[in-house]
């Protein structure tokens, strides 16, 4: 699997008036692409992607109406899925690392350092 993070956007807003981050928090979005380089089918979803914040806490994505949500499902050799994932963070926190791990036996997770 090849992983590419195209953009990290701080303080994104939902396109829905009904979605707001928790009190005192804001949303950060990452635009990510995953490509299957293997001959075997790869199952990929947002649950494969976790972020670690600058305080070393781990976050899962939140469903927020923003951008183009990352697709999920089967990726066959050469297939790519690209989209946005949104995370809720406290003031002063930044995304430190992005970990991609779909738990496929002997595969190792991919860690991307965020700037």
PDB file of N, CA and C in Angstrom:
ATOM      1  N   UNK A   1       0.840  -1.160   0.000  1.00  0.00           N
ATOM      2  CA  UNK A   1       0.000   0.000   0.000  1.00  0.00           C
ATOM      3  C   UNK A   1       0.894   1.235   0.000  1.00  0.00           C
ATOM      4  N   UNK A   2       0.504   2.206  -0.783  1.00  0.00           N
ATOM      5  CA  UNK A   2       1.168   3.503  -0.808  1.00  0.00           C
ATOM      6  C   UNK A   2       0.211   4.522  -0.207  1.00  0.00           C
ATOM      7  N   UNK A   3       0.737   5.351   0.681  1.00  0.00           N
ATOM      8  CA  UNK A   3      -0.076   6.371   1.350  1.00  0.00           C
ATOM      9  C   UNK A   3       0.518   7.739   1.043  1.00  0.00           C
ATOM     10  N   UNK A   4      -0.341   8.691   0.721  1.00  0.00           N
ATOM     11  CA  UNK A   4       0.099  10.057   0.470  1.00  0.00           C
ATOM     12  C   UNK A   4      -0.847  11.015   1.188  1.00  0.00           C
ATOM     13  N   UNK A   5      -0.289  11.913   1.981  1.00  0.00           N
ATOM     14  CA  UNK A   5      -1.071  12.979   2.601  1.00  0.00           C
ATOM     15  C   UNK A   5      -0.805  14.231   1.795  1.00  0.00           C
ATOM     16  N   UNK A   6      -1.840  14.753   1.146  1.00  0.00           N
ATOM     17  CA  UNK A   6      -1.693  15.919   0.277  1.00  0.00           C
ATOM     18  C   UNK A   6      -1.768  17.228   1.037  1.00  0.00           C
ATOM     19  N   UNK A   7      -2.597  17.249   2.099  1.00  0.00           N
ATOM     20  CA  UNK A   7      -2.829  18.525   2.761  1.00  0.00           C
ATOM     21  C   UNK A   7      -3.367  18.292   4.165  1.00  0.00           C
ATOM     22  N   UNK A   8      -2.953  19.132   5.094  1.00  0.00           N
ATOM     23  CA  UNK A   8      -3.522  19.187   6.438  1.00  0.00           C
ATOM     24  C   UNK A   8      -4.108  20.588   6.584  1.00  0.00           C
ATOM     25  N   UNK A   9      -5.406  20.673   6.891  1.00  0.00           N
ATOM     26  CA  UNK A   9      -6.086  21.961   6.991  1.00  0.00           C
ATOM     27  C   UNK A   9      -6.606  22.147   8.411  1.00  0.00           C
ATOM     28  N   UNK A  10      -6.149  23.204   9.069  1.00  0.00           N
ATOM     29  CA  UNK A  10      -6.525  23.482  10.443  1.00  0.00           C
ATOM     30  C   UNK A  10      -7.797  24.323  10.484  1.00  0.00           C
ATOM     31  N   UNK A  11      -8.636  24.051  11.478  1.00  0.00           N
ATOM     32  CA  UNK A  11      -9.859  24.813  11.760  1.00  0.00           C
ATOM     33  C   UNK A  11     -10.848  24.816  10.589  1.00  0.00           C
ATOM     34  N   UNK A  12     -11.229  23.613  10.141  1.00  0.00           N
ATOM     35  CA  UNK A  12     -12.212  23.500   9.059  1.00  0.00           C
ATOM     36  C   UNK A  12     -13.624  23.654   9.619  1.00  0.00           C
ATOM     37  N   UNK A  13     -14.534  24.008   8.770  1.00  0.00           N
ATOM     38  CA  UNK A  13     -15.946  24.181   9.129  1.00  0.00           C
ATOM     39  C   UNK A  13     -16.779  23.167   8.355  1.00  0.00           C
ATOM     40  N   UNK A  14     -17.846  22.694   8.970  1.00  0.00           N
ATOM     41  CA  UNK A  14     -18.779  21.787   8.318  1.00  0.00           C
ATOM     42  C   UNK A  14     -19.653  22.568   7.340  1.00  0.00           C
ATOM     43  N   UNK A  15     -20.061  21.915   6.272  1.00  0.00           N
ATOM     44  CA  UNK A  15     -21.006  22.540   5.346  1.00  0.00           C
ATOM     45  C   UNK A  15     -22.428  22.486   5.909  1.00  0.00           C
ATOM     46  N   UNK A  16     -22.616  21.776   7.018  1.00  0.00           N
ATOM     47  CA  UNK A  16     -23.915  21.683   7.683  1.00  0.00           C
ATOM     48  C   UNK A  16     -23.936  22.616   8.892  1.00  0.00           C
ATOM     49  N   UNK A  17     -25.005  23.398   9.015  1.00  0.00           N
ATOM     50  CA  UNK A  17     -25.152  24.294  10.169  1.00  0.00           C
ATOM     51  C   UNK A  17     -25.351  23.519  11.472  1.00  0.00           C
ATOM     52  N   UNK A  18     -25.686  22.227  11.378  1.00  0.00           N
ATOM     53  CA  UNK A  18     -25.986  21.428  12.559  1.00  0.00           C
ATOM     54  C   UNK A  18     -24.764  20.753  13.163  1.00  0.00           C
ATOM     55  N   UNK A  19     -23.658  20.721  12.450  1.00  0.00           N
ATOM     56  CA  UNK A  19     -22.450  20.075  12.957  1.00  0.00           C
ATOM     57  C   UNK A  19     -21.479  21.111  13.501  1.00  0.00           C
ATOM     58  N   UNK A  20     -21.128  20.954  14.753  1.00  0.00           N
ATOM     59  CA  UNK A  20     -20.180  21.840  15.419  1.00  0.00           C
ATOM     60  C   UNK A  20     -19.224  20.976  16.237  1.00  0.00           C
ATOM     61  N   UNK A  21     -17.972  21.392  16.361  1.00  0.00           N
ATOM     62  CA  UNK A  21     -17.066  20.645  17.241  1.00  0.00           C
ATOM     63  C   UNK A  21     -17.500  20.836  18.694  1.00  0.00           C
ATOM     64  N   UNK A  22     -17.024  19.968  19.567  1.00  0.00           N
ATOM     65  CA  UNK A  22     -17.326  20.076  20.995  1.00  0.00           C
ATOM     66  C   UNK A  22     -16.836  21.423  21.518  1.00  0.00           C
ATOM     67  N   UNK A  23     -17.419  21.873  22.594  1.00  0.00           N
ATOM     68  CA  UNK A  23     -17.075  23.174  23.174  1.00  0.00           C
ATOM     69  C   UNK A  23     -15.567  23.286  23.396  1.00  0.00           C
ATOM     70  N   UNK A  24     -15.001  24.381  22.906  1.00  0.00           N
ATOM     71  CA  UNK A  24     -13.581  24.645  23.088  1.00  0.00           C
ATOM     72  C   UNK A  24     -12.662  23.887  22.146  1.00  0.00           C
ATOM     73  N   UNK A  25     -13.214  23.115  21.221  1.00  0.00           N
ATOM     74  CA  UNK A  25     -12.391  22.335  20.287  1.00  0.00           C
ATOM     75  C   UNK A  25     -12.607  22.827  18.865  1.00  0.00           C
ATOM     76  N   UNK A  26     -11.771  22.351  17.938  1.00  0.00           N
ATOM     77  CA  UNK A  26     -11.932  22.673  16.516  1.00  0.00           C
ATOM     78  C   UNK A  26     -11.577  21.444  15.693  1.00  0.00           C
ATOM     79  N   UNK A  27     -11.895  21.486  14.417  1.00  0.00           N
ATOM     80  CA  UNK A  27     -11.638  20.357  13.528  1.00  0.00           C
ATOM     81  C   UNK A  27     -10.420  20.621  12.656  1.00  0.00           C
ATOM     82  N   UNK A  28      -9.657  19.556  12.444  1.00  0.00           N
ATOM     83  CA  UNK A  28      -8.525  19.565  11.525  1.00  0.00           C
ATOM     84  C   UNK A  28      -8.773  18.457  10.502  1.00  0.00           C
ATOM     85  N   UNK A  29      -8.591  18.773   9.223  1.00  0.00           N
ATOM     86  CA  UNK A  29      -8.822  17.792   8.161  1.00  0.00           C
ATOM     87  C   UNK A  29      -7.501  17.391   7.514  1.00  0.00           C
ATOM     88  N   UNK A  30      -7.414  16.125   7.130  1.00  0.00           N
ATOM     89  CA  UNK A  30      -6.294  15.675   6.298  1.00  0.00           C
ATOM     90  C   UNK A  30      -6.870  15.141   5.000  1.00  0.00           C
ATOM     91  N   UNK A  31      -6.187  15.433   3.908  1.00  0.00           N
ATOM     92  CA  UNK A  31      -6.539  14.862   2.613  1.00  0.00           C
ATOM     93  C   UNK A  31      -5.525  13.770   2.344  1.00  0.00           C
ATOM     94  N   UNK A  32      -6.011  12.542   2.182  1.00  0.00           N
ATOM     95  CA  UNK A  32      -5.136  11.372   2.102  1.00  0.00           C
ATOM     96  C   UNK A  32      -5.520  10.488   0.929  1.00  0.00           C
ATOM     97  N   UNK A  33      -4.518   9.841   0.335  1.00  0.00           N
ATOM     98  CA  UNK A  33      -4.740   8.876  -0.746  1.00  0.00           C
ATOM     99  C   UNK A  33      -4.081   7.555  -0.362  1.00  0.00           C
ATOM    100  N   UNK A  34      -4.759   6.463  -0.668  1.00  0.00           N
ATOM    101  CA  UNK A  34      -4.214   5.121  -0.465  1.00  0.00           C
ATOM    102  C   UNK A  34      -4.291   4.382  -1.793  1.00  0.00           C
ATOM    103  N   UNK A  35      -3.171   3.767  -2.185  1.00  0.00           N
ATOM    104  CA  UNK A  35      -3.097   3.006  -3.429  1.00  0.00           C
ATOM    105  C   UNK A  35      -2.658   1.589  -3.116  1.00  0.00           C
ATOM    106  N   UNK A  36      -3.356   0.604  -3.686  1.00  0.00           N
ATOM    107  CA  UNK A  36      -2.973  -0.793  -3.518  1.00  0.00           C
ATOM    108  C   UNK A  36      -1.887  -1.132  -4.533  1.00  0.00           C
ATOM    109  N   UNK A  37      -0.703  -1.509  -4.026  1.00  0.00           N
ATOM    110  CA  UNK A  37       0.422  -1.885  -4.883  1.00  0.00           C
ATOM    111  C   UNK A  37       0.573  -3.396  -4.992  1.00  0.00           C
ATOM    112  N   UNK A  38      -0.252  -4.146  -4.271  1.00  0.00           N
ATOM    113  CA  UNK A  38      -0.139  -5.599  -4.207  1.00  0.00           C
ATOM    114  C   UNK A  38      -1.064  -6.268  -5.221  1.00  0.00           C
ATOM    115  N   UNK A  39      -0.813  -7.523  -5.501  1.00  0.00           N
ATOM    116  CA  UNK A  39      -1.684  -8.286  -6.400  1.00  0.00           C
ATOM    117  C   UNK A  39      -2.991  -8.671  -5.724  1.00  0.00           C
ATOM    118  N   UNK A  40      -2.978  -8.766  -4.390  1.00  0.00           N
ATOM    119  CA  UNK A  40      -4.176  -9.159  -3.646  1.00  0.00           C
ATOM    120  C   UNK A  40      -5.060  -7.952  -3.358  1.00  0.00           C
ATOM    121  N   UNK A  41      -6.350  -8.227  -3.211  1.00  0.00           N
ATOM    122  CA  UNK A  41      -7.322  -7.194  -2.845  1.00  0.00           C
ATOM    123  C   UNK A  41      -6.977  -6.625  -1.469  1.00  0.00           C
ATOM    124  N   UNK A  42      -7.173  -5.342  -1.308  1.00  0.00           N
ATOM    125  CA  UNK A  42      -6.925  -4.649  -0.045  1.00  0.00           C
ATOM    126  C   UNK A  42      -8.214  -4.002   0.408  1.00  0.00           C
ATOM    127  N   UNK A  43      -8.600  -4.248   1.653  1.00  0.00           N
ATOM    128  CA  UNK A  43      -9.778  -3.590   2.230  1.00  0.00           C
ATOM    129  C   UNK A  43      -9.283  -2.353   2.958  1.00  0.00           C
ATOM    130  N   UNK A  44      -9.807  -1.186   2.595  1.00  0.00           N
ATOM    131  CA  UNK A  44      -9.340   0.064   3.177  1.00  0.00           C
ATOM    132  C   UNK A  44     -10.523   0.903   3.625  1.00  0.00           C
ATOM    133  N   UNK A  45     -10.389   1.534   4.795  1.00  0.00           N
ATOM    134  CA  UNK A  45     -11.429   2.424   5.294  1.00  0.00           C
ATOM    135  C   UNK A  45     -10.804   3.465   6.215  1.00  0.00           C
ATOM    136  N   UNK A  46     -11.611   4.415   6.636  1.00  0.00           N
ATOM    137  CA  UNK A  46     -11.119   5.457   7.538  1.00  0.00           C
ATOM    138  C   UNK A  46     -10.650   4.875   8.863  1.00  0.00           C
ATOM    139  N   UNK A  47     -11.160   3.704   9.243  1.00  0.00           N
ATOM    140  CA  UNK A  47     -10.739   3.088  10.507  1.00  0.00           C
ATOM    141  C   UNK A  47      -9.281   2.639  10.467  1.00  0.00           C
ATOM    142  N   UNK A  48      -8.683   2.577   9.280  1.00  0.00           N
ATOM    143  CA  UNK A  48      -7.262   2.244   9.146  1.00  0.00           C
ATOM    144  C   UNK A  48      -6.366   3.422   9.508  1.00  0.00           C
ATOM    145  N   UNK A  49      -6.943   4.622   9.584  1.00  0.00           N
ATOM    146  CA  UNK A  49      -6.154   5.839   9.765  1.00  0.00           C
ATOM    147  C   UNK A  49      -6.411   6.427  11.158  1.00  0.00           C
ATOM    148  N   UNK A  50      -5.343   6.611  11.912  1.00  0.00           N
ATOM    149  CA  UNK A  50      -5.404   7.245  13.234  1.00  0.00           C
ATOM    150  C   UNK A  50      -4.373   8.363  13.252  1.00  0.00           C
ATOM    151  N   UNK A  51      -4.684   9.426  13.965  1.00  0.00           N
ATOM    152  CA  UNK A  51      -3.702  10.488  14.130  1.00  0.00           C
ATOM    153  C   UNK A  51      -3.273  10.550  15.586  1.00  0.00           C
ATOM    154  N   UNK A  52      -2.035  10.956  15.780  1.00  0.00           N
ATOM    155  CA  UNK A  52      -1.508  11.213  17.114  1.00  0.00           C
ATOM    156  C   UNK A  52      -1.252  12.709  17.189  1.00  0.00           C
ATOM    157  N   UNK A  53      -1.773  13.311  18.254  1.00  0.00           N
ATOM    158  CA  UNK A  53      -1.648  14.750  18.426  1.00  0.00           C
ATOM    159  C   UNK A  53      -0.362  15.099  19.177  1.00  0.00           C
ATOM    160  N   UNK A  54      -0.073  16.383  19.247  1.00  0.00           N
ATOM    161  CA  UNK A  54       1.161  16.839  19.883  1.00  0.00           C
ATOM    162  C   UNK A  54       1.216  16.489  21.374  1.00  0.00           C
ATOM    163  N   UNK A  55       0.069  16.196  22.011  1.00  0.00           N
ATOM    164  CA  UNK A  55       0.078  15.752  23.413  1.00  0.00           C
ATOM    165  C   UNK A  55       0.147  14.228  23.523  1.00  0.00           C
ATOM    166  N   UNK A  56       0.426  13.542  22.393  1.00  0.00           N
ATOM    167  CA  UNK A  56       0.563  12.083  22.285  1.00  0.00           C
ATOM    168  C   UNK A  56      -0.727  11.310  22.484  1.00  0.00           C
ATOM    169  N   UNK A  57      -1.889  11.973  22.427  1.00  0.00           N
ATOM    170  CA  UNK A  57      -3.156  11.246  22.427  1.00  0.00           C
ATOM    171  C   UNK A  57      -3.477  10.835  20.998  1.00  0.00           C
ATOM    172  N   UNK A  58      -4.208   9.747  20.864  1.00  0.00           N
ATOM    173  CA  UNK A  58      -4.585   9.224  19.551  1.00  0.00           C
ATOM    174  C   UNK A  58      -6.042   9.579  19.275  1.00  0.00           C
ATOM    175  N   UNK A  59      -6.345   9.914  18.036  1.00  0.00           N
ATOM    176  CA  UNK A  59      -7.699  10.306  17.656  1.00  0.00           C
ATOM    177  C   UNK A  59      -8.175   9.512  16.449  1.00  0.00           C
ATOM    178  N   UNK A  60      -9.458   9.160  16.472  1.00  0.00           N
ATOM    179  CA  UNK A  60     -10.116   8.589  15.301  1.00  0.00           C
ATOM    180  C   UNK A  60     -10.885   9.710  14.617  1.00  0.00           C
ATOM    181  N   UNK A  61     -11.200   9.500  13.339  1.00  0.00           N
ATOM    182  CA  UNK A  61     -11.893  10.564  12.596  1.00  0.00           C
ATOM    183  C   UNK A  61     -13.338  10.712  13.050  1.00  0.00           C
ATOM    184  N   UNK A  62     -13.874  11.895  12.803  1.00  0.00           N
ATOM    185  CA  UNK A  62     -15.270  12.226  13.078  1.00  0.00           C
ATOM    186  C   UNK A  62     -15.979  12.381  11.735  1.00  0.00           C
ATOM    187  N   UNK A  63     -17.243  11.978  11.680  1.00  0.00           N
ATOM    188  CA  UNK A  63     -17.986  12.204  10.442  1.00  0.00           C
ATOM    189  C   UNK A  63     -18.435  13.657  10.423  1.00  0.00           C
ATOM    190  N   UNK A  64     -17.848  14.430   9.529  1.00  0.00           N
ATOM    191  CA  UNK A  64     -18.157  15.851   9.397  1.00  0.00           C
ATOM    192  C   UNK A  64     -18.392  16.133   7.914  1.00  0.00           C
ATOM    193  N   UNK A  65     -19.444  16.904   7.614  1.00  0.00           N
ATOM    194  CA  UNK A  65     -19.702  17.301   6.225  1.00  0.00           C
ATOM    195  C   UNK A  65     -18.665  18.334   5.808  1.00  0.00           C
ATOM    196  N   UNK A  66     -17.532  17.828   5.329  1.00  0.00           N
ATOM    197  CA  UNK A  66     -16.445  18.692   4.877  1.00  0.00           C
ATOM    198  C   UNK A  66     -15.737  18.002   3.717  1.00  0.00           C
ATOM    199  N   UNK A  67     -15.481  18.761   2.669  1.00  0.00           N
ATOM    200  CA  UNK A  67     -14.708  18.226   1.541  1.00  0.00           C
ATOM    201  C   UNK A  67     -15.332  16.990   0.931  1.00  0.00           C
ATOM    202  N   UNK A  68     -14.483  16.078   0.538  1.00  0.00           N
ATOM    203  CA  UNK A  68     -14.890  14.818  -0.076  1.00  0.00           C
ATOM    204  C   UNK A  68     -14.431  13.684   0.837  1.00  0.00           C
ATOM    205  N   UNK A  69     -15.355  13.078   1.551  1.00  0.00           N
ATOM    206  CA  UNK A  69     -15.028  12.033   2.544  1.00  0.00           C
ATOM    207  C   UNK A  69     -14.251  10.898   1.885  1.00  0.00           C
ATOM    208  N   UNK A  70     -13.239  10.393   2.597  1.00  0.00           N
ATOM    209  CA  UNK A  70     -12.434   9.265   2.111  1.00  0.00           C
ATOM    210  C   UNK A  70     -13.324   8.056   1.889  1.00  0.00           C
ATOM    211  N   UNK A  71     -13.208   7.442   0.728  1.00  0.00           N
ATOM    212  CA  UNK A  71     -13.993   6.250   0.406  1.00  0.00           C
ATOM    213  C   UNK A  71     -13.479   5.023   1.146  1.00  0.00           C
ATOM    214  N   UNK A  72     -14.256   3.967   1.116  1.00  0.00           N
ATOM    215  CA  UNK A  72     -13.852   2.722   1.760  1.00  0.00           C
ATOM    216  C   UNK A  72     -14.306   1.562   0.899  1.00  0.00           C
ATOM    217  N   UNK A  73     -13.711   0.405   1.153  1.00  0.00           N
ATOM    218  CA  UNK A  73     -14.080  -0.798   0.421  1.00  0.00           C
ATOM    219  C   UNK A  73     -12.872  -1.499  -0.136  1.00  0.00           C
ATOM    220  N   UNK A  74     -13.076  -2.252  -1.202  1.00  0.00           N
ATOM    221  CA  UNK A  74     -12.009  -3.040  -1.806  1.00  0.00           C
ATOM    222  C   UNK A  74     -11.194  -2.205  -2.780  1.00  0.00           C
ATOM    223  N   UNK A  75      -9.888  -2.326  -2.650  1.00  0.00           N
ATOM    224  CA  UNK A  75      -8.969  -1.734  -3.628  1.00  0.00           C
ATOM    225  C   UNK A  75      -8.224  -2.888  -4.288  1.00  0.00           C
ATOM    226  N   UNK A  76      -8.316  -2.961  -5.604  1.00  0.00           N
ATOM    227  CA  UNK A  76      -7.583  -3.971  -6.339  1.00  0.00           C
ATOM    228  C   UNK A  76      -6.269  -3.359  -6.816  1.00  0.00           C
ATOM    229  N   UNK A  77      -5.357  -4.175  -7.298  1.00  0.00           N
ATOM    230  CA  UNK A  77      -4.031  -3.686  -7.687  1.00  0.00           C
ATOM    231  C   UNK A  77      -4.156  -2.434  -8.561  1.00  0.00           C
ATOM    232  N   UNK A  78      -3.481  -1.368  -8.127  1.00  0.00           N
ATOM    233  CA  UNK A  78      -3.485  -0.118  -8.871  1.00  0.00           C
ATOM    234  C   UNK A  78      -4.607   0.835  -8.508  1.00  0.00           C
ATOM    235  N   UNK A  79      -5.623   0.357  -7.768  1.00  0.00           N
ATOM    236  CA  UNK A  79      -6.734   1.227  -7.369  1.00  0.00           C
ATOM    237  C   UNK A  79      -6.295   2.212  -6.294  1.00  0.00           C
ATOM    238  N   UNK A  80      -6.868   3.423  -6.354  1.00  0.00           N
ATOM    239  CA  UNK A  80      -6.576   4.471  -5.378  1.00  0.00           C
ATOM    240  C   UNK A  80      -7.877   5.053  -4.852  1.00  0.00           C
ATOM    241  N   UNK A  81      -7.917   5.333  -3.560  1.00  0.00           N
ATOM    242  CA  UNK A  81      -9.005   6.088  -2.968  1.00  0.00           C
ATOM    243  C   UNK A  81      -8.407   7.348  -2.360  1.00  0.00           C
ATOM    244  N   UNK A  82      -9.084   8.468  -2.558  1.00  0.00           N
ATOM    245  CA  UNK A  82      -8.608   9.755  -2.055  1.00  0.00           C
ATOM    246  C   UNK A  82      -9.770  10.491  -1.405  1.00  0.00           C
ATOM    247  N   UNK A  83      -9.492  11.144  -0.292  1.00  0.00           N
ATOM    248  CA  UNK A  83     -10.537  11.921   0.352  1.00  0.00           C
ATOM    249  C   UNK A  83     -10.060  12.563   1.629  1.00  0.00           C
ATOM    250  N   UNK A  84     -11.015  13.177   2.319  1.00  0.00           N
ATOM    251  CA  UNK A  84     -10.724  13.924   3.538  1.00  0.00           C
ATOM    252  C   UNK A  84     -11.203  13.173   4.772  1.00  0.00           C
ATOM    253  N   UNK A  85     -10.418  13.282   5.850  1.00  0.00           N
ATOM    254  CA  UNK A  85     -10.804  12.799   7.167  1.00  0.00           C
ATOM    255  C   UNK A  85     -10.677  13.969   8.124  1.00  0.00           C
ATOM    256  N   UNK A  86     -11.606  14.064   9.081  1.00  0.00           N
ATOM    257  CA  UNK A  86     -11.649  15.197   9.994  1.00  0.00           C
ATOM    258  C   UNK A  86     -11.486  14.693  11.431  1.00  0.00           C
ATOM    259  N   UNK A  87     -10.670  15.426  12.199  1.00  0.00           N
ATOM    260  CA  UNK A  87     -10.373  15.077  13.583  1.00  0.00           C
ATOM    261  C   UNK A  87     -10.669  16.267  14.484  1.00  0.00           C
ATOM    262  N   UNK A  88     -11.187  15.981  15.672  1.00  0.00           N
ATOM    263  CA  UNK A  88     -11.511  17.025  16.635  1.00  0.00           C
ATOM    264  C   UNK A  88     -10.333  17.191  17.590  1.00  0.00           C
ATOM    265  N   UNK A  89      -9.838  18.416  17.723  1.00  0.00           N
ATOM    266  CA  UNK A  89      -8.663  18.663  18.561  1.00  0.00           C
ATOM    267  C   UNK A  89      -8.893  19.853  19.484  1.00  0.00           C
ATOM    268  N   UNK A  90      -8.151  19.860  20.570  1.00  0.00           N
ATOM    269  CA  UNK A  90      -8.193  20.956  21.542  1.00  0.00           C
ATOM    270  C   UNK A  90      -7.308  22.101  21.064  1.00  0.00           C
ATOM    271  N   UNK A  91      -7.554  23.301  21.570  1.00  0.00           N
ATOM    272  CA  UNK A  91      -6.707  24.444  21.204  1.00  0.00           C
ATOM    273  C   UNK A  91      -5.234  24.154  21.502  1.00  0.00           C
ATOM    274  N   UNK A  92      -4.380  24.588  20.618  1.00  0.00           N
ATOM    275  CA  UNK A  92      -2.947  24.402  20.797  1.00  0.00           C
ATOM    276  C   UNK A  92      -2.439  23.046  20.351  1.00  0.00           C
ATOM    277  N   UNK A  93      -3.336  22.100  20.104  1.00  0.00           N
ATOM    278  CA  UNK A  93      -2.920  20.774  19.649  1.00  0.00           C
ATOM    279  C   UNK A  93      -2.779  20.752  18.139  1.00  0.00           C
ATOM    280  N   UNK A  94      -1.815  19.997  17.667  1.00  0.00           N
ATOM    281  CA  UNK A  94      -1.592  19.809  16.238  1.00  0.00           C
ATOM    282  C   UNK A  94      -1.442  18.328  15.964  1.00  0.00           C
ATOM    283  N   UNK A  95      -1.680  17.934  14.725  1.00  0.00           N
ATOM    284  CA  UNK A  95      -1.441  16.553  14.328  1.00  0.00           C
ATOM    285  C   UNK A  95       0.065  16.353  14.225  1.00  0.00           C
ATOM    286  N   UNK A  96       0.561  15.383  14.995  1.00  0.00           N
ATOM    287  CA  UNK A  96       1.991  15.083  15.045  1.00  0.00           C
ATOM    288  C   UNK A  96       2.346  13.968  14.057  1.00  0.00           C
ATOM    289  N   UNK A  97       1.577  12.881  14.090  1.00  0.00           N
ATOM    290  CA  UNK A  97       1.808  11.763  13.170  1.00  0.00           C
ATOM    291  C   UNK A  97       0.468  11.238  12.674  1.00  0.00           C
ATOM    292  N   UNK A  98       0.524  10.602  11.512  1.00  0.00           N
ATOM    293  CA  UNK A  98      -0.635   9.933  10.919  1.00  0.00           C
ATOM    294  C   UNK A  98      -0.232   8.481  10.742  1.00  0.00           C
ATOM    295  N   UNK A  99      -0.954   7.576  11.393  1.00  0.00           N
ATOM    296  CA  UNK A  99      -0.660   6.146  11.324  1.00  0.00           C
ATOM    297  C   UNK A  99      -1.716   5.452  10.476  1.00  0.00           C
ATOM    298  N   UNK A 100      -1.263   4.629   9.546  1.00  0.00           N
ATOM    299  CA  UNK A 100      -2.167   3.851   8.704  1.00  0.00           C
ATOM    300  C   UNK A 100      -1.869   2.377   8.964  1.00  0.00           C
ATOM    301  N   UNK A 101      -2.869   1.665   9.489  1.00  0.00           N
ATOM    302  CA  UNK A 101      -2.720   0.252   9.831  1.00  0.00           C
ATOM    303  C   UNK A 101      -4.057  -0.436   9.626  1.00  0.00           C
ATOM    304  N   UNK A 102      -4.131  -1.266   8.600  1.00  0.00           N
ATOM    305  CA  UNK A 102      -5.369  -1.994   8.317  1.00  0.00           C
ATOM    306  C   UNK A 102      -5.349  -3.400   8.897  1.00  0.00           C
ATOM    307  N   UNK A 103      -4.299  -3.728   9.679  1.00  0.00           N
ATOM    308  CA  UNK A 103      -4.178  -5.020  10.379  1.00  0.00           C
ATOM    309  C   UNK A 103      -4.300  -6.210   9.443  1.00  0.00           C
ATOM    310  N   UNK A 104      -3.352  -6.317   8.527  1.00  0.00           N
ATOM    311  CA  UNK A 104      -3.328  -7.445   7.590  1.00  0.00           C
ATOM    312  C   UNK A 104      -2.220  -8.414   7.935  1.00  0.00           C
ATOM    313  N   UNK A 105      -2.250  -8.973   9.123  1.00  0.00           N
ATOM    314  CA  UNK A 105      -1.281  -9.992   9.506  1.00  0.00           C
ATOM    315  C   UNK A 105       0.118  -9.438   9.661  1.00  0.00           C
ATOM    316  N   UNK A 106       1.020  -9.820   8.740  1.00  0.00           N
ATOM    317  CA  UNK A 106       2.425  -9.449   8.892  1.00  0.00           C
ATOM    318  C   UNK A 106       2.746  -8.068   8.315  1.00  0.00           C
ATOM    319  N   UNK A 107       1.743  -7.353   7.797  1.00  0.00           N
ATOM    320  CA  UNK A 107       1.995  -6.000   7.294  1.00  0.00           C
ATOM    321  C   UNK A 107       2.341  -5.077   8.442  1.00  0.00           C
ATOM    322  N   UNK A 108       3.220  -4.147   8.189  1.00  0.00           N
ATOM    323  CA  UNK A 108       3.588  -3.168   9.201  1.00  0.00           C
ATOM    324  C   UNK A 108       2.829  -1.881   8.956  1.00  0.00           C
ATOM    325  N   UNK A 109       2.483  -1.174  10.042  1.00  0.00           N
ATOM    326  CA  UNK A 109       1.787   0.096   9.868  1.00  0.00           C
ATOM    327  C   UNK A 109       2.692   1.134   9.202  1.00  0.00           C
ATOM    328  N   UNK A 110       2.067   2.093   8.560  1.00  0.00           N
ATOM    329  CA  UNK A 110       2.772   3.208   7.935  1.00  0.00           C
ATOM    330  C   UNK A 110       2.625   4.406   8.865  1.00  0.00           C
ATOM    331  N   UNK A 111       3.734   5.083   9.177  1.00  0.00           N
ATOM    332  CA  UNK A 111       3.679   6.299  10.007  1.00  0.00           C
ATOM    333  C   UNK A 111       4.188   7.460   9.184  1.00  0.00           C
ATOM    334  N   UNK A 112       3.392   8.536   9.172  1.00  0.00           N
ATOM    335  CA  UNK A 112       3.733   9.745   8.439  1.00  0.00           C
ATOM    336  C   UNK A 112       3.904  10.864   9.448  1.00  0.00           C
ATOM    337  N   UNK A 113       5.040  11.517   9.424  1.00  0.00           N
ATOM    338  CA  UNK A 113       5.283  12.666  10.295  1.00  0.00           C
ATOM    339  C   UNK A 113       4.590  13.889   9.705  1.00  0.00           C
ATOM    340  N   UNK A 114       3.812  14.576  10.515  1.00  0.00           N
ATOM    341  CA  UNK A 114       3.149  15.788  10.070  1.00  0.00           C
ATOM    342  C   UNK A 114       3.995  16.984  10.509  1.00  0.00           C
ATOM    343  N   UNK A 115       3.955  18.040   9.727  1.00  0.00           N
ATOM    344  CA  UNK A 115       4.733  19.249  10.089  1.00  0.00           C
ATOM    345  C   UNK A 115       3.842  20.286  10.692  1.00  0.00           C
TER     346      UNK A 115
END
